[in-house]
Amino acid sequence: MRGSESEVSRHFHRDVGMTLVQYRTRVRLLRFIREVDEHAGNLLKSAGSSGFGSYSQCHRAFRAEFCCAPQEFFASGVRAQMEGVFEPESPLWVGNPGL
């Protein structure tokens, strides 16, 4: 079965709850966090190797998704607070496969 790009996009949005562009950005942000962890906090290098065209593009996407700058996320307790909420074992996650 074949479908047009717009049809695939529409079905993806309906089934997943986000657009393909939003999904791609989230995948890049997750890759960015992993890269920062692996490269001892080098934000600039990690942004490039995560698929962002520039650090400023990464910074804008990060702030929009996490409501804080990457420096705040990695340097303060923000990350620990978020990990407590978004861990699969968290009560918010259990029973919500759509998350």
N, C-alpha and C. Protein backbone atom coordinates (compact mmCIF):
# COMPACT_ATOMS: atom_id res chain seq x y z
N MET A 1 0.84 -1.17 0.00
CA MET A 1 0.00 0.00 0.00
C MET A 1 0.89 1.23 0.00
N ARG A 2 0.59 2.17 -0.84
CA ARG A 2 1.36 3.40 -0.96
C ARG A 2 0.50 4.59 -0.57
N GLY A 3 1.17 5.61 -0.07
CA GLY A 3 0.46 6.82 0.27
C GLY A 3 1.33 8.03 -0.04
N SER A 4 0.70 9.15 -0.20
CA SER A 4 1.44 10.38 -0.46
C SER A 4 2.13 10.83 0.83
N GLU A 5 3.08 11.74 0.69
CA GLU A 5 3.79 12.25 1.86
C GLU A 5 2.83 12.90 2.84
N SER A 6 1.88 13.66 2.32
CA SER A 6 0.93 14.34 3.20
C SER A 6 0.02 13.33 3.92
N GLU A 7 -0.32 12.25 3.23
CA GLU A 7 -1.16 11.22 3.84
C GLU A 7 -0.40 10.51 4.96
N VAL A 8 0.86 10.17 4.70
CA VAL A 8 1.69 9.53 5.73
C VAL A 8 1.84 10.46 6.92
N SER A 9 2.10 11.74 6.65
CA SER A 9 2.26 12.72 7.71
C SER A 9 0.99 12.85 8.55
N ARG A 10 -0.15 12.88 7.88
CA ARG A 10 -1.44 12.99 8.58
C ARG A 10 -1.69 11.78 9.49
N HIS A 11 -1.40 10.58 8.97
CA HIS A 11 -1.60 9.36 9.77
C HIS A 11 -0.61 9.32 10.95
N PHE A 12 0.63 9.71 10.70
CA PHE A 12 1.62 9.75 11.77
C PHE A 12 1.15 10.68 12.88
N HIS A 13 0.71 11.88 12.50
CA HIS A 13 0.25 12.86 13.48
C HIS A 13 -0.94 12.32 14.27
N ARG A 14 -1.87 11.69 13.58
CA ARG A 14 -3.05 11.13 14.24
C ARG A 14 -2.65 10.00 15.20
N ASP A 15 -1.78 9.11 14.77
CA ASP A 15 -1.43 7.93 15.56
C ASP A 15 -0.45 8.22 16.69
N VAL A 16 0.49 9.11 16.45
CA VAL A 16 1.56 9.36 17.43
C VAL A 16 1.27 10.60 18.27
N GLY A 17 0.49 11.53 17.73
CA GLY A 17 0.15 12.73 18.49
C GLY A 17 1.12 13.88 18.30
N MET A 18 2.01 13.76 17.34
CA MET A 18 2.92 14.86 17.01
C MET A 18 3.26 14.76 15.53
N THR A 19 3.73 15.87 14.99
CA THR A 19 4.09 15.88 13.58
C THR A 19 5.44 15.19 13.39
N LEU A 20 5.75 14.86 12.15
CA LEU A 20 7.05 14.26 11.84
C LEU A 20 8.19 15.20 12.21
N VAL A 21 8.01 16.50 12.01
CA VAL A 21 9.04 17.48 12.36
C VAL A 21 9.24 17.50 13.87
N GLN A 22 8.16 17.47 14.65
CA GLN A 22 8.29 17.43 16.11
C GLN A 22 8.99 16.16 16.55
N TYR A 23 8.66 15.06 15.94
CA TYR A 23 9.29 13.78 16.27
C TYR A 23 10.78 13.82 15.98
N ARG A 24 11.15 14.31 14.80
CA ARG A 24 12.56 14.41 14.44
C ARG A 24 13.31 15.29 15.43
N THR A 25 12.71 16.39 15.85
CA THR A 25 13.35 17.29 16.82
C THR A 25 13.54 16.58 18.15
N ARG A 26 12.55 15.83 18.60
CA ARG A 26 12.70 15.10 19.87
C ARG A 26 13.78 14.05 19.80
N VAL A 27 13.86 13.35 18.67
CA VAL A 27 14.93 12.35 18.51
C VAL A 27 16.29 13.04 18.56
N ARG A 28 16.41 14.18 17.90
CA ARG A 28 17.67 14.92 17.94
C ARG A 28 18.00 15.40 19.35
N LEU A 29 16.99 15.85 20.08
CA LEU A 29 17.23 16.31 21.45
C LEU A 29 17.68 15.16 22.35
N LEU A 30 17.07 14.00 22.20
CA LEU A 30 17.50 12.84 22.99
C LEU A 30 18.93 12.44 22.64
N ARG A 31 19.24 12.50 21.35
CA ARG A 31 20.61 12.21 20.90
C ARG A 31 21.57 13.26 21.46
N PHE A 32 21.15 14.53 21.50
CA PHE A 32 21.96 15.61 22.05
C PHE A 32 22.30 15.35 23.52
N ILE A 33 21.31 14.97 24.30
CA ILE A 33 21.54 14.68 25.73
C ILE A 33 22.54 13.54 25.88
N ARG A 34 22.38 12.49 25.10
CA ARG A 34 23.31 11.36 25.15
C ARG A 34 24.73 11.79 24.75
N GLU A 35 24.81 12.59 23.70
CA GLU A 35 26.11 13.06 23.22
C GLU A 35 26.80 13.94 24.27
N VAL A 36 26.05 14.81 24.94
CA VAL A 36 26.64 15.66 25.98
C VAL A 36 27.20 14.79 27.09
N ASP A 37 26.45 13.77 27.48
CA ASP A 37 26.93 12.85 28.51
C ASP A 37 28.21 12.14 28.08
N GLU A 38 28.28 11.73 26.81
CA GLU A 38 29.43 10.99 26.31
C GLU A 38 30.65 11.86 26.04
N HIS A 39 30.44 13.15 25.75
CA HIS A 39 31.54 14.04 25.40
C HIS A 39 31.82 15.05 26.51
N ALA A 40 31.65 14.66 27.72
CA ALA A 40 32.01 15.47 28.90
C ALA A 40 31.45 16.89 28.83
N GLY A 41 30.21 17.01 28.41
CA GLY A 41 29.53 18.30 28.47
C GLY A 41 29.81 19.26 27.34
N ASN A 42 30.41 18.82 26.24
CA ASN A 42 30.69 19.70 25.12
C ASN A 42 29.40 19.94 24.33
N LEU A 43 28.72 21.05 24.63
CA LEU A 43 27.42 21.34 24.04
C LEU A 43 27.51 21.62 22.54
N LEU A 44 28.51 22.36 22.13
CA LEU A 44 28.65 22.72 20.72
C LEU A 44 28.89 21.48 19.85
N LYS A 45 29.82 20.65 20.25
CA LYS A 45 30.13 19.43 19.50
C LYS A 45 28.92 18.49 19.49
N SER A 46 28.26 18.38 20.62
CA SER A 46 27.11 17.49 20.74
C SER A 46 25.94 17.95 19.87
N ALA A 47 25.74 19.26 19.76
CA ALA A 47 24.65 19.78 18.92
C ALA A 47 24.88 19.40 17.47
N GLY A 48 26.11 19.56 17.00
CA GLY A 48 26.43 19.21 15.61
C GLY A 48 26.29 17.74 15.33
N SER A 49 26.77 16.91 16.24
CA SER A 49 26.72 15.47 15.99
C SER A 49 25.33 14.88 16.23
N SER A 50 24.41 15.69 16.74
CA SER A 50 23.04 15.24 16.98
C SER A 50 22.10 15.57 15.83
N GLY A 51 22.62 16.25 14.82
CA GLY A 51 21.81 16.55 13.66
C GLY A 51 21.30 17.97 13.57
N PHE A 52 21.66 18.81 14.54
CA PHE A 52 21.26 20.21 14.46
C PHE A 52 22.23 20.96 13.57
N GLY A 53 21.73 21.94 12.83
CA GLY A 53 22.56 22.72 11.93
C GLY A 53 23.49 23.66 12.66
N SER A 54 23.11 24.05 13.88
CA SER A 54 23.94 24.96 14.67
C SER A 54 23.57 24.79 16.15
N TYR A 55 24.43 25.33 17.01
CA TYR A 55 24.11 25.25 18.43
C TYR A 55 22.89 26.11 18.74
N SER A 56 22.74 27.25 18.07
CA SER A 56 21.59 28.11 18.36
C SER A 56 20.28 27.41 17.99
N GLN A 57 20.27 26.63 16.92
CA GLN A 57 19.08 25.87 16.56
C GLN A 57 18.78 24.84 17.65
N CYS A 58 19.81 24.17 18.13
CA CYS A 58 19.65 23.19 19.20
C CYS A 58 19.13 23.88 20.47
N HIS A 59 19.71 25.02 20.79
CA HIS A 59 19.32 25.77 22.00
C HIS A 59 17.84 26.15 21.94
N ARG A 60 17.39 26.66 20.80
CA ARG A 60 15.97 27.03 20.65
C ARG A 60 15.06 25.82 20.82
N ALA A 61 15.41 24.71 20.18
CA ALA A 61 14.59 23.50 20.29
C ALA A 61 14.60 22.97 21.72
N PHE A 62 15.76 23.00 22.36
CA PHE A 62 15.88 22.51 23.73
C PHE A 62 15.02 23.34 24.67
N ARG A 63 15.13 24.67 24.55
CA ARG A 63 14.35 25.57 25.41
C ARG A 63 12.85 25.37 25.18
N ALA A 64 12.44 25.20 23.93
CA ALA A 64 11.02 25.00 23.63
C ALA A 64 10.51 23.69 24.22
N GLU A 65 11.32 22.65 24.21
CA GLU A 65 10.88 21.34 24.69
C GLU A 65 10.99 21.21 26.21
N PHE A 66 12.07 21.72 26.79
CA PHE A 66 12.34 21.51 28.22
C PHE A 66 12.14 22.74 29.09
N CYS A 67 11.82 23.88 28.48
CA CYS A 67 11.58 25.14 29.20
C CYS A 67 12.79 25.60 30.02
N CYS A 68 13.96 25.26 29.56
CA CYS A 68 15.19 25.76 30.17
C CYS A 68 16.31 25.63 29.15
N ALA A 69 17.38 26.36 29.39
CA ALA A 69 18.54 26.28 28.51
C ALA A 69 19.30 24.98 28.78
N PRO A 70 20.04 24.48 27.79
CA PRO A 70 20.82 23.27 28.01
C PRO A 70 21.78 23.38 29.20
N GLN A 71 22.41 24.56 29.37
CA GLN A 71 23.32 24.74 30.50
C GLN A 71 22.61 24.55 31.83
N GLU A 72 21.40 25.08 31.94
CA GLU A 72 20.61 24.91 33.16
C GLU A 72 20.28 23.43 33.39
N PHE A 73 19.89 22.76 32.33
CA PHE A 73 19.50 21.36 32.41
C PHE A 73 20.64 20.49 32.94
N PHE A 74 21.84 20.69 32.40
CA PHE A 74 22.97 19.85 32.77
C PHE A 74 23.65 20.29 34.06
N ALA A 75 23.59 21.58 34.40
CA ALA A 75 24.32 22.08 35.56
C ALA A 75 23.51 22.09 36.85
N SER A 76 22.21 22.12 36.75
CA SER A 76 21.39 22.24 37.96
C SER A 76 20.60 20.95 38.21
N GLY A 77 19.70 21.02 39.13
CA GLY A 77 18.89 19.86 39.46
C GLY A 77 17.70 19.65 38.53
N VAL A 78 17.60 20.44 37.47
CA VAL A 78 16.46 20.32 36.55
C VAL A 78 16.41 18.93 35.93
N ARG A 79 17.55 18.43 35.53
CA ARG A 79 17.57 17.11 34.89
C ARG A 79 17.08 16.03 35.84
N ALA A 80 17.54 16.05 37.07
CA ALA A 80 17.11 15.04 38.05
C ALA A 80 15.61 15.12 38.29
N GLN A 81 15.06 16.33 38.33
CA GLN A 81 13.62 16.49 38.52
C GLN A 81 12.86 15.89 37.34
N MET A 82 13.33 16.15 36.13
CA MET A 82 12.67 15.63 34.94
C MET A 82 12.78 14.12 34.85
N GLU A 83 13.94 13.58 35.17
CA GLU A 83 14.12 12.14 35.09
C GLU A 83 13.20 11.42 36.07
N GLY A 84 12.92 12.04 37.20
CA GLY A 84 12.00 11.44 38.15
C GLY A 84 10.59 11.37 37.64
N VAL A 85 10.22 12.29 36.77
CA VAL A 85 8.86 12.34 36.23
C VAL A 85 8.72 11.48 34.98
N PHE A 86 9.76 11.44 34.14
CA PHE A 86 9.64 10.80 32.85
C PHE A 86 10.24 9.41 32.77
N GLU A 87 10.69 8.86 33.86
CA GLU A 87 11.21 7.49 33.85
C GLU A 87 10.07 6.52 33.58
N PRO A 88 10.30 5.46 32.83
CA PRO A 88 9.23 4.50 32.55
C PRO A 88 8.61 3.90 33.81
N GLU A 89 9.37 3.80 34.88
CA GLU A 89 8.83 3.22 36.11
C GLU A 89 7.97 4.22 36.89
N SER A 90 8.00 5.47 36.49
CA SER A 90 7.26 6.51 37.19
C SER A 90 5.76 6.24 37.11
N PRO A 91 5.00 6.60 38.14
CA PRO A 91 3.55 6.40 38.12
C PRO A 91 2.89 7.15 36.97
N LEU A 92 3.49 8.25 36.51
CA LEU A 92 2.91 8.98 35.39
C LEU A 92 3.05 8.20 34.09
N TRP A 93 4.05 7.35 34.00
CA TRP A 93 4.32 6.60 32.77
C TRP A 93 3.50 5.32 32.73
N VAL A 94 3.43 4.62 33.84
CA VAL A 94 2.75 3.33 33.90
C VAL A 94 1.28 3.52 33.55
N GLY A 95 0.82 2.72 32.64
CA GLY A 95 -0.57 2.79 32.23
C GLY A 95 -0.85 3.85 31.18
N ASN A 96 0.19 4.57 30.76
CA ASN A 96 0.05 5.58 29.73
C ASN A 96 0.96 5.28 28.56
N PRO A 97 0.65 4.29 27.77
CA PRO A 97 1.54 3.93 26.65
C PRO A 97 1.64 5.03 25.61
N GLY A 98 0.75 6.00 25.65
CA GLY A 98 0.79 7.09 24.69
C GLY A 98 1.83 8.14 25.01
N LEU A 99 2.50 8.02 26.16
CA LEU A 99 3.51 9.03 26.51
C LEU A 99 4.78 8.85 25.73
